[in-house]
Amino acid sequence: AFVLLGWLNKDDTFYIQKDGVRYVYKIFEKKIVPPSEVGVLDAIAGHPATATLITCDPPGLNVNRMVIIGDQISPDPAANNASTALKTDVKPAELAGNSESLWHRIINAIF
């Protein structure tokens, strides 16, 4: 579903629907990072209500990750409730990705 994520750019909007509420986010950052750059999951100073979309880049390969970060613009983020998620210092070793593509499995089997 995220194969077209690369079409999004700064100032575009995306929507997330949860519990009957549509949240609107305006993109302020788009970047390509290696899977080991897990810092993209950290909170961002000056951006209290964000959503981060992550997919493999290039599509179909798990070499890098495309990261798109947006600020919540609707409903008003000032009305958000504080997170009830448990805090942890454990960070993943790398950003999860897809398993090898069929193309990679064929090439690896041949060579």
Protein backbone atom coordinates (compact mmCIF):
# COMPACT_ATOMS: atom_id res chain seq x y z
CA ALA A 1 0.00 0.00 0.00
CA PHE A 2 2.96 2.34 0.54
CA VAL A 3 4.52 1.79 -2.89
CA LEU A 4 3.24 5.23 -4.02
CA LEU A 5 4.54 7.03 -0.93
CA GLY A 6 7.37 8.48 -3.02
CA TRP A 7 4.85 10.68 -4.82
CA LEU A 8 4.27 12.66 -1.63
CA ASN A 9 6.29 15.84 -1.07
CA LYS A 10 6.73 18.61 1.48
CA ASP A 11 3.46 20.46 2.20
CA ASP A 12 1.30 17.60 0.84
CA THR A 13 -1.24 16.15 3.27
CA PHE A 14 -2.16 12.62 4.23
CA TYR A 15 -4.94 11.20 6.37
CA ILE A 16 -5.14 8.57 9.09
CA GLN A 17 -8.55 7.30 10.18
CA LYS A 18 -8.82 5.99 13.77
CA ASP A 19 -11.88 5.37 15.93
CA GLY A 20 -14.10 7.30 13.53
CA VAL A 21 -11.85 10.38 13.55
CA ARG A 22 -9.92 11.52 10.47
CA TYR A 23 -6.53 12.97 11.37
CA VAL A 24 -4.89 15.21 8.78
CA TYR A 25 -1.11 15.60 8.61
CA LYS A 26 0.96 18.08 6.58
CA ILE A 27 4.34 16.77 5.46
CA PHE A 28 7.35 18.74 6.65
CA GLU A 29 10.11 16.22 6.00
CA LYS A 30 10.86 13.47 3.48
CA LYS A 31 14.14 11.60 3.44
CA ILE A 32 15.85 8.35 2.53
CA VAL A 33 17.78 6.66 5.33
CA PRO A 34 19.57 3.35 5.86
CA PRO A 35 17.67 0.74 7.92
CA SER A 36 20.06 1.34 10.82
CA GLU A 37 18.95 4.97 11.27
CA VAL A 38 16.33 4.30 13.94
CA GLY A 39 16.50 7.88 15.23
CA VAL A 40 13.75 8.79 12.76
CA LEU A 41 11.37 7.21 15.29
CA ASP A 42 12.33 9.70 18.04
CA ALA A 43 10.19 12.65 19.09
CA ILE A 44 10.98 15.84 17.16
CA ALA A 45 11.49 19.08 19.07
CA GLY A 46 8.97 21.73 18.02
CA HIS A 47 6.63 19.13 16.52
CA PRO A 48 4.40 17.80 19.33
CA ALA A 49 1.92 15.80 17.20
CA THR A 50 3.46 13.94 14.28
CA ALA A 51 2.95 10.80 12.22
CA THR A 52 5.84 9.02 10.53
CA LEU A 53 5.30 6.88 7.44
CA ILE A 54 8.06 4.44 6.52
CA THR A 55 8.47 2.20 3.49
CA CYS A 56 11.28 0.45 1.68
CA ASP A 57 13.22 2.37 -0.95
CA PRO A 58 13.47 1.70 -3.80
CA PRO A 59 10.07 0.00 -3.89
CA GLY A 60 10.38 -3.78 -3.78
CA LEU A 61 13.88 -3.70 -2.28
CA ASN A 62 14.86 -3.42 1.36
CA VAL A 63 18.11 -1.46 0.84
CA ASN A 64 16.95 1.85 2.36
CA ARG A 65 13.89 3.35 3.99
CA MET A 66 11.84 6.31 2.79
CA VAL A 67 10.64 8.30 5.78
CA ILE A 68 7.84 10.87 5.56
CA ILE A 69 6.98 12.92 8.64
CA GLY A 70 3.91 15.12 8.98
CA ASP A 71 2.51 17.50 11.58
CA GLN A 72 -1.08 16.96 12.70
CA ILE A 73 -3.15 19.89 11.46
CA SER A 74 -6.67 18.57 12.08
CA PRO A 75 -8.33 18.06 14.46
CA ASP A 76 -6.51 20.62 16.57
CA PRO A 77 -3.58 18.75 18.20
CA ALA A 78 -3.96 20.85 21.36
CA ALA A 79 -6.97 18.68 22.20
CA ASN A 80 -4.99 15.41 21.97
CA ASN A 81 -4.76 13.16 25.01
CA ALA A 82 -1.36 12.21 26.36
CA SER A 83 -0.03 8.86 25.18
CA THR A 84 -0.70 5.86 27.41
CA ALA A 85 2.03 3.80 25.72
CA LEU A 86 4.66 2.42 28.06
CA LYS A 87 7.97 4.25 27.85
CA THR A 88 11.01 2.13 27.05
CA ASP A 89 14.68 2.75 26.35
CA VAL A 90 14.85 -0.26 24.05
CA LYS A 91 15.32 0.76 20.42
CA PRO A 92 15.19 -1.55 17.44
CA ALA A 93 18.50 -2.36 15.78
CA GLU A 94 17.08 -1.30 12.44
CA LEU A 95 13.87 -0.16 10.82
CA ALA A 96 11.88 -3.19 9.76
CA GLY A 97 11.60 -3.86 6.07
CA ASN A 98 10.13 -6.30 3.66
CA SER A 99 11.71 -9.67 3.18
CA GLU A 100 13.79 -10.11 0.07
CA SER A 101 11.86 -9.59 -3.13
CA LEU A 102 11.24 -12.48 -5.49
CA TRP A 103 13.77 -10.91 -7.85
CA HIS A 104 16.47 -10.92 -5.14
CA ARG A 105 15.70 -14.51 -4.20
CA ILE A 106 16.07 -15.61 -7.84
CA ILE A 107 19.35 -13.73 -8.30
CA ASN A 108 20.74 -15.04 -5.00
CA ALA A 109 19.77 -18.61 -5.99
CA ILE A 110 21.58 -18.26 -9.32
CA PHE A 111 24.71 -16.59 -7.99
